[in-house]
Amino acid sequence: MQDNFSDGNLSSNPAWIGDVSHFVVNANQELQLMAPAAGVSKLFTQPVEEQDTTYWKGKIKMDFAPSATNFVRYYLQLNDTSSTASGYYLEIGENGTNDAIKFYRLDLGIPKLIGSCKTGAMANQPAIVNYEIKKVNGNWEFYTDYSGGINLTKDSSFVDNQYFGSDFKWTGFYCLYTDTRKDKFYFDDIYIGGPINDKIPPQIADLQLIDNKTIKLIFDEPLNTITASNILNFQVDKGIGNPITANLFFEKEITLTFANPFQSFTDFNITINNVSDLKGNAMIPKVLAFKYQIADSVKPFDFVINEIMADPTPVVGLPEVEYLELYNRSDKYLNLNNINIVKGTTNYKLPNQIVAPKSYTILCDDGGGEPV
């Protein structure tokens, strides 16, 4: 079963039943709750064809911090849609700040908690997760990205094989909501079935500089250990060369350690080649740019307040924005987060931002920087 809602309807491919009038396919081609008032809305479809290895994939978003009065259930597989159904489901939403994806078994309508994923991961506003669930002979593995991105990592695993087979063919959603949340549930990219015939090479989701000799590469899928650990598959220009070690962690993360350090505030390129996924799909050469930046320590009088705009109204040749202009009068690269601004008795911590020698930066409210 697969539905990314690109066809714009709930009547076919697949056909959904239940409170269909409470849901729409929005302009972003997502399934969105659009209920008339506070209450409960349910939506179901079939068939879920369980295989030797079955995957559930998709994205769930709530444009608010979920609670015990505003939460969602995702029915993975049920034997029917009645109040006495049996099967498995996920629930997201509880009071407090410990919101997690909770995995339940349903026995003739009576829930039994099997386990919970990462505590507090769904306590955000918005609460969002891109998930992949794998079931093999009652062994359940949960992979998640709580930013909604593609960097899924293993979250939790559970064992329960009470229900399986062709009788458990229903999947669907249960939304409970107050009036202010009646249009703030979203679902997308739903897939239930066997392993997808993967012909796509791995993609780099993120590059992180750990220190002046270490890079972490994060990929969008599990990698072949041999290709991920081959130092010849990675090279940095400007005399840095190949790493001396390449280690794979958490199936998707490669940590590279180099003998030669990256010079501060220098532009580098790293070339990644021949890294493959578990299906043998090898990536073509990929070049990523990066700059290692480490600021010098800030000393008295390195920064000066160069200008204060305290009263921008009426406007006289400048935007209507209050701001402070800081000047780095030193010959060093300095980080704003090493200094504070004190107004009265209030201490304001400045953001993580590098200011080049003999250059200026503006401090203002969010949204005011562009016109200034």
Protein backbone atom coordinates (compact mmCIF):
# COMPACT_ATOMS: atom_id res chain seq x y z
CA MET A 1 0.00 0.00 0.00
CA GLN A 2 1.42 3.34 -1.05
CA ASP A 3 -0.09 6.82 -1.00
CA ASN A 4 1.73 10.13 -1.34
CA PHE A 5 -1.59 11.89 -2.09
CA SER A 6 -0.30 13.30 -5.38
CA ASP A 7 -3.56 12.21 -7.06
CA GLY A 8 -5.42 14.69 -4.85
CA ASN A 9 -8.18 12.30 -3.74
CA LEU A 10 -9.06 9.74 -1.08
CA SER A 11 -11.42 7.69 -3.23
CA SER A 12 -8.95 5.53 -5.17
CA ASN A 13 -5.39 4.19 -5.24
CA PRO A 14 -6.06 3.47 -2.39
CA ALA A 15 -9.64 4.09 -1.30
CA TRP A 16 -10.00 5.45 2.24
CA ILE A 17 -13.09 4.99 4.42
CA GLY A 18 -14.29 6.46 7.70
CA ASP A 19 -14.59 10.19 8.38
CA VAL A 20 -13.45 11.02 4.87
CA SER A 21 -15.20 14.41 4.89
CA HIS A 22 -12.96 15.47 7.80
CA PHE A 23 -9.80 15.18 5.68
CA VAL A 24 -8.46 16.94 2.59
CA VAL A 25 -5.45 16.69 0.32
CA ASN A 26 -3.90 20.14 0.67
CA ALA A 27 -1.89 22.22 -1.80
CA ASN A 28 1.32 20.53 -0.65
CA GLN A 29 -0.19 17.13 -1.53
CA GLU A 30 -0.39 16.07 2.10
CA LEU A 31 -3.28 14.44 3.91
CA GLN A 32 -4.57 17.10 6.31
CA LEU A 33 -7.28 16.99 8.95
CA MET A 34 -9.95 19.61 8.23
CA ALA A 35 -12.68 18.81 10.74
CA PRO A 36 -15.72 21.05 11.37
CA ALA A 37 -15.33 21.13 15.17
CA ALA A 38 -13.60 19.48 18.12
CA GLY A 39 -13.89 15.71 18.25
CA VAL A 40 -12.49 12.46 16.89
CA SER A 41 -11.79 11.61 13.25
CA LYS A 42 -10.81 8.20 11.85
CA LEU A 43 -9.58 7.14 8.44
CA PHE A 44 -8.84 3.59 7.25
CA THR A 45 -7.68 1.76 4.16
CA GLN A 46 -6.64 -1.75 3.14
CA PRO A 47 -5.03 -4.08 2.29
CA VAL A 48 -1.89 -4.29 4.34
CA GLU A 49 -0.10 -7.25 2.78
CA GLU A 50 2.23 -8.57 5.48
CA GLN A 51 5.34 -10.26 4.11
CA ASP A 52 8.34 -12.04 5.61
CA THR A 53 9.79 -8.57 6.06
CA THR A 54 7.27 -5.74 6.23
CA TYR A 55 7.99 -2.01 6.27
CA TRP A 56 5.85 0.94 7.34
CA LYS A 57 7.19 4.28 6.14
CA GLY A 58 5.84 7.81 6.16
CA LYS A 59 5.65 11.18 7.86
CA ILE A 60 3.42 12.47 10.66
CA LYS A 61 3.22 16.12 11.67
CA MET A 62 1.16 17.95 14.27
CA ASP A 63 1.43 21.73 14.06
CA PHE A 64 1.34 22.03 17.85
CA ALA A 65 2.81 20.32 20.90
CA PRO A 66 0.65 17.19 21.38
CA SER A 67 -1.12 16.43 24.65
CA ALA A 68 -3.63 14.02 26.19
CA THR A 69 -6.45 16.04 24.59
CA ASN A 70 -4.78 16.47 21.19
CA PHE A 71 -3.06 13.33 19.94
CA VAL A 72 -2.83 10.87 17.07
CA ARG A 73 -2.88 7.10 16.70
CA TYR A 74 -1.46 5.39 13.65
CA TYR A 75 -2.90 1.91 13.21
CA LEU A 76 -0.17 -0.23 11.66
CA GLN A 77 -2.31 -3.32 11.16
CA LEU A 78 -5.77 -4.27 12.45
CA ASN A 79 -8.09 -7.19 11.79
CA ASP A 80 -11.06 -4.79 11.43
CA THR A 81 -12.04 -1.16 12.08
CA SER A 82 -14.39 -1.73 15.02
CA SER A 83 -13.91 -0.74 18.66
CA THR A 84 -13.03 -4.38 19.46
CA ALA A 85 -10.30 -4.73 16.85
CA SER A 86 -6.96 -6.41 17.48
CA GLY A 87 -3.58 -5.47 16.06
CA TYR A 88 -0.85 -2.85 16.57
CA TYR A 89 -0.74 0.93 16.64
CA LEU A 90 1.40 3.94 17.52
CA GLU A 91 0.24 6.80 19.74
CA ILE A 92 1.77 10.28 19.95
CA GLY A 93 0.59 12.73 22.60
CA GLU A 94 0.48 12.97 26.37
CA ASN A 95 0.55 15.62 29.08
CA GLY A 96 3.91 17.05 30.10
CA THR A 97 7.11 17.12 28.07
CA ASN A 98 7.87 13.41 27.78
CA ASP A 99 5.91 12.90 24.55
CA ALA A 100 7.25 9.89 22.68
CA ILE A 101 6.09 7.49 20.00
CA LYS A 102 4.42 4.72 22.01
CA PHE A 103 3.94 1.25 20.53
CA TYR A 104 0.77 -0.61 21.57
CA ARG A 105 -0.79 -3.98 20.95
CA LEU A 106 -4.58 -3.97 20.77
CA ASP A 107 -6.35 -7.06 22.15
CA LEU A 108 -10.07 -6.97 21.27
CA GLY A 109 -10.04 -3.20 21.75
CA ILE A 110 -7.96 -3.26 24.95
CA PRO A 111 -4.54 -1.56 24.56
CA LYS A 112 -1.31 -2.97 25.97
CA LEU A 113 1.85 -0.84 25.90
CA ILE A 114 4.74 -2.75 24.29
CA GLY A 115 7.31 0.04 24.54
CA SER A 116 8.23 3.66 23.85
CA CYS A 117 10.66 5.36 21.50
CA LYS A 118 12.83 8.35 22.44
CA THR A 119 11.41 10.23 25.43
CA GLY A 120 10.49 13.86 24.73
CA ALA A 121 11.21 13.62 21.01
CA MET A 122 7.59 14.51 20.10
CA ALA A 123 7.12 17.25 22.72
CA ASN A 124 7.99 19.98 20.21
CA GLN A 125 5.82 22.50 18.39
CA PRO A 126 5.43 21.43 15.68
CA ALA A 127 5.81 17.74 16.50
CA ILE A 128 7.08 15.92 13.42
CA VAL A 129 8.61 12.58 12.58
CA ASN A 130 9.74 10.81 9.44
CA TYR A 131 9.58 7.12 10.36
CA GLU A 132 10.47 3.68 9.07
CA ILE A 133 9.29 0.58 10.92
CA LYS A 134 10.58 -2.88 10.04
CA LYS A 135 8.90 -6.10 11.19
CA VAL A 136 10.52 -9.53 10.81
CA ASN A 137 9.03 -12.52 12.66
CA GLY A 138 7.72 -10.34 15.48
CA ASN A 139 10.92 -8.30 15.78
CA TRP A 140 10.08 -4.61 15.35
CA GLU A 141 12.72 -1.98 14.58
CA PHE A 142 11.94 1.75 14.60
CA TYR A 143 13.97 4.30 12.64
CA THR A 144 13.17 8.00 12.99
CA ASP A 145 14.13 11.53 12.06
CA TYR A 146 12.40 13.98 14.37
CA SER A 147 13.20 16.94 12.12
CA GLY A 148 11.13 15.37 9.33
CA GLY A 149 14.25 14.96 7.20
CA ILE A 150 15.85 11.94 5.57
CA ASN A 151 18.50 11.21 8.19
CA LEU A 152 16.72 8.31 9.87
CA THR A 153 18.57 6.57 12.68
CA LYS A 154 17.65 3.55 14.75
CA ASP A 155 15.42 4.65 17.62
CA SER A 156 14.09 1.56 19.39
CA SER A 157 13.33 -2.14 18.95
CA PHE A 158 10.62 -4.36 20.43
CA VAL A 159 9.49 -7.98 20.24
CA ASP A 160 5.84 -9.00 19.85
CA ASN A 161 4.41 -11.57 17.46
CA GLN A 162 0.89 -11.96 18.80
CA TYR A 163 -0.74 -10.87 15.54
CA PHE A 164 0.38 -11.48 11.97
CA GLY A 165 -0.89 -12.64 8.62
CA SER A 166 -3.55 -11.75 6.07
CA ASP A 167 -6.32 -11.18 8.64
CA PHE A 168 -4.58 -8.02 9.82
CA LYS A 169 -4.99 -5.96 6.67
CA TRP A 170 -6.29 -2.59 7.89
CA THR A 171 -4.25 0.55 8.47
CA GLY A 172 -5.35 4.06 9.35
CA PHE A 173 -5.34 7.12 11.57
CA TYR A 174 -7.21 8.24 14.67
CA CYS A 175 -7.09 11.95 15.56
CA LEU A 176 -8.46 13.37 18.82
CA TYR A 177 -8.46 17.17 18.96
CA THR A 178 -9.86 20.35 20.46
CA ASP A 179 -11.39 23.07 18.31
CA THR A 180 -8.11 24.97 17.91
CA ARG A 181 -6.34 21.84 16.59
CA LYS A 182 -9.02 20.57 14.21
CA ASP A 183 -6.92 21.39 11.10
CA LYS A 184 -3.38 20.82 12.36
CA PHE A 185 -2.72 17.10 11.73
CA TYR A 186 -0.73 16.11 8.61
CA PHE A 187 0.29 12.77 7.04
CA ASP A 188 2.32 11.99 3.93
CA ASP A 189 4.40 9.48 1.93
CA ILE A 190 2.71 6.40 3.37
CA TYR A 191 4.18 3.05 2.35
CA ILE A 192 3.40 -0.44 3.69
CA GLY A 193 4.94 -3.49 2.05
CA GLY A 194 8.10 -5.45 1.45
CA PRO A 195 11.59 -4.11 0.81
CA ILE A 196 11.60 -1.55 -1.99
CA ASN A 197 13.71 -2.46 -5.02
CA ASP A 198 16.41 0.08 -4.31
CA LYS A 199 18.44 1.35 -7.26
CA ILE A 200 19.29 4.75 -5.79
CA PRO A 201 22.83 5.40 -4.46
CA PRO A 202 23.20 6.82 -0.96
CA GLN A 203 22.98 10.58 -0.58
CA ILE A 204 24.85 12.78 1.89
CA ALA A 205 22.41 14.36 4.32
CA ASP A 206 24.91 16.41 6.33
CA LEU A 207 28.59 17.25 6.77
CA GLN A 208 29.78 18.15 10.27
CA LEU A 209 33.19 19.44 11.28
CA ILE A 210 34.12 17.89 14.63
CA ASP A 211 37.54 19.53 15.01
CA ASN A 212 40.46 20.62 12.82
CA LYS A 213 41.23 17.02 11.80
CA THR A 214 37.84 15.28 11.90
CA ILE A 215 34.79 15.27 9.62
CA LYS A 216 31.51 13.43 10.15
CA LEU A 217 29.46 12.52 7.05
CA ILE A 218 25.81 11.56 7.59
CA PHE A 219 24.04 9.60 4.84
CA ASP A 220 20.35 8.99 4.16
CA GLU A 221 20.49 5.18 4.33
CA PRO A 222 22.58 2.32 5.78
CA LEU A 223 25.95 1.86 4.09
CA ASN A 224 28.13 -1.01 2.97
CA THR A 225 30.81 -1.29 5.66
CA ILE A 226 33.69 -2.04 3.29
CA THR A 227 33.12 0.98 1.03
CA ALA A 228 32.38 3.27 3.98
CA SER A 229 35.66 2.28 5.67
CA ASN A 230 37.88 2.60 2.58
CA ILE A 231 40.02 5.72 3.11
CA LEU A 232 40.66 5.97 -0.66
CA ASN A 233 36.99 6.89 -1.17
CA PHE A 234 37.53 10.27 0.53
CA GLN A 235 39.93 13.08 -0.31
CA VAL A 236 40.31 16.72 0.78
CA ASP A 237 42.12 19.22 -1.43
CA LYS A 238 44.88 21.75 -0.60
CA GLY A 239 47.33 19.12 0.57
CA ILE A 240 45.11 17.44 3.16
CA GLY A 241 44.68 14.22 1.15
CA ASN A 242 43.00 10.99 2.22
CA PRO A 243 41.99 10.38 5.83
CA ILE A 244 44.07 8.07 7.98
CA THR A 245 40.91 6.39 9.30
CA ALA A 246 37.31 6.06 8.10
CA ASN A 247 34.93 4.52 10.63
CA LEU A 248 31.24 3.68 10.17
CA PHE A 249 28.89 4.30 13.10
CA PHE A 250 25.12 3.75 13.43
CA GLU A 251 25.01 2.32 9.86
CA LYS A 252 24.78 5.80 8.27
CA GLU A 253 27.54 7.94 9.79
CA ILE A 254 31.18 7.97 8.67
CA THR A 255 33.81 9.67 10.81
CA LEU A 256 36.96 10.65 8.92
CA THR A 257 40.20 11.51 10.71
CA PHE A 258 43.02 13.28 8.83
CA ALA A 259 46.72 13.55 9.62
CA ASN A 260 46.99 17.16 8.44
CA PRO A 261 44.87 19.83 10.14
CA PHE A 262 42.42 22.12 8.36
CA GLN A 263 43.63 25.70 8.43
CA SER A 264 41.18 28.07 10.04
CA PHE A 265 39.04 30.22 7.71
CA THR A 266 40.23 28.37 4.62
CA ASP A 267 37.85 27.00 2.00
CA PHE A 268 38.22 23.26 1.34
CA ASN A 269 36.56 20.67 -0.88
CA ILE A 270 36.08 17.02 0.03
CA THR A 271 35.45 14.46 -2.72
CA ILE A 272 33.43 11.35 -1.80
CA ASN A 273 33.36 8.47 -4.27
CA ASN A 274 32.28 4.81 -4.53
CA VAL A 275 30.48 4.67 -1.18
CA SER A 276 27.61 2.21 -1.63
CA ASP A 277 24.45 1.19 0.20
CA LEU A 278 23.50 -2.32 1.31
CA LYS A 279 22.11 -3.06 -2.18
CA GLY A 280 25.43 -2.24 -3.85
CA ASN A 281 24.32 1.09 -5.33
CA ALA A 282 27.54 3.14 -5.47
CA MET A 283 27.52 6.92 -5.48
CA ILE A 284 29.25 8.86 -8.23
CA PRO A 285 31.90 11.40 -7.17
CA LYS A 286 30.37 14.08 -4.95
CA VAL A 287 32.24 17.27 -4.02
CA LEU A 288 31.27 19.19 -0.89
CA ALA A 289 32.70 22.54 0.16
CA PHE A 290 33.44 23.35 3.78
CA LYS A 291 35.34 25.89 5.86
CA TYR A 292 36.86 25.22 9.25
CA GLN A 293 36.30 28.27 11.43
CA ILE A 294 37.66 28.69 14.90
CA ALA A 295 37.57 32.13 16.42
CA ASP A 296 40.26 33.78 18.52
CA SER A 297 39.52 34.76 22.09
CA VAL A 298 37.85 38.13 22.58
CA LYS A 299 39.76 40.69 24.61
CA PRO A 300 38.66 44.09 25.96
CA PHE A 301 38.11 46.70 23.24
CA ASP A 302 38.23 44.15 20.38
CA PHE A 303 34.56 44.97 19.81
CA VAL A 304 33.18 48.49 20.08
CA ILE A 305 29.61 49.75 19.76
CA ASN A 306 29.97 51.84 16.65
CA GLU A 307 26.40 53.11 16.29
CA ILE A 308 23.15 53.05 18.28
CA MET A 309 19.81 53.53 16.51
CA ALA A 310 17.46 53.94 19.48
CA ASP A 311 14.71 56.01 17.87
CA PRO A 312 14.14 55.19 14.18
CA THR A 313 10.78 57.03 14.05
CA PRO A 314 10.18 59.18 12.08
CA VAL A 315 12.19 57.56 9.31
CA VAL A 316 15.01 59.69 7.93
CA GLY A 317 16.83 57.81 5.20
CA LEU A 318 17.02 54.54 7.16
CA PRO A 319 14.66 51.61 7.80
CA GLU A 320 12.33 51.86 10.79
CA VAL A 321 14.38 49.42 12.88
CA GLU A 322 16.19 49.80 16.19
CA TYR A 323 19.70 48.37 16.10
CA LEU A 324 23.21 48.32 17.53
CA GLU A 325 26.17 48.31 15.16
CA LEU A 326 29.25 46.49 16.42
CA TYR A 327 32.72 46.90 14.92
CA ASN A 328 35.51 44.34 15.19
CA ARG A 329 38.51 46.65 15.43
CA SER A 330 40.98 43.79 15.89
CA ASP A 331 42.95 41.76 13.36
CA LYS A 332 41.25 38.53 14.55
CA TYR A 333 38.22 36.48 13.62
CA LEU A 334 35.91 36.77 16.62
CA ASN A 335 32.72 34.96 17.67
CA LEU A 336 29.82 36.99 19.01
CA ASN A 337 28.86 34.21 21.41
CA ASN A 338 31.94 35.05 23.46
CA ILE A 339 30.47 38.40 24.54
CA ASN A 340 27.26 39.56 26.21
CA ILE A 341 25.25 42.75 25.98
CA VAL A 342 23.96 44.08 29.30
CA LYS A 343 20.99 46.45 29.46
CA GLY A 344 20.13 47.48 32.98
CA THR A 345 20.15 44.24 34.93
CA THR A 346 19.37 42.04 31.90
CA ASN A 347 22.19 40.04 30.34
CA TYR A 348 21.75 39.19 26.61
CA LYS A 349 23.77 36.30 25.18
CA LEU A 350 24.74 36.89 21.55
CA PRO A 351 24.43 34.27 18.79
CA ASN A 352 27.08 31.98 17.36
CA GLN A 353 28.36 34.19 14.54
CA ILE A 354 31.87 34.87 13.28
CA VAL A 355 32.83 38.49 12.62
CA ALA A 356 35.83 39.05 10.35
CA PRO A 357 38.63 41.52 11.22
CA LYS A 358 37.85 45.21 10.61
CA SER A 359 34.20 44.46 9.83
CA TYR A 360 30.76 45.32 11.15
CA THR A 361 27.68 43.45 12.30
CA ILE A 362 24.17 44.55 13.28
CA LEU A 363 22.17 43.50 16.35
CA CYS A 364 18.40 43.92 15.96
CA ASP A 365 15.08 42.11 16.34
CA ASP A 366 14.32 39.08 14.16
CA GLY A 367 13.39 40.21 10.67
CA GLY A 368 15.07 43.59 11.00
CA GLY A 369 18.47 42.61 9.66
CA GLU A 370 17.58 42.46 5.96
CA PRO A 371 16.24 46.03 5.59
CA VAL A 372 19.10 47.43 7.70
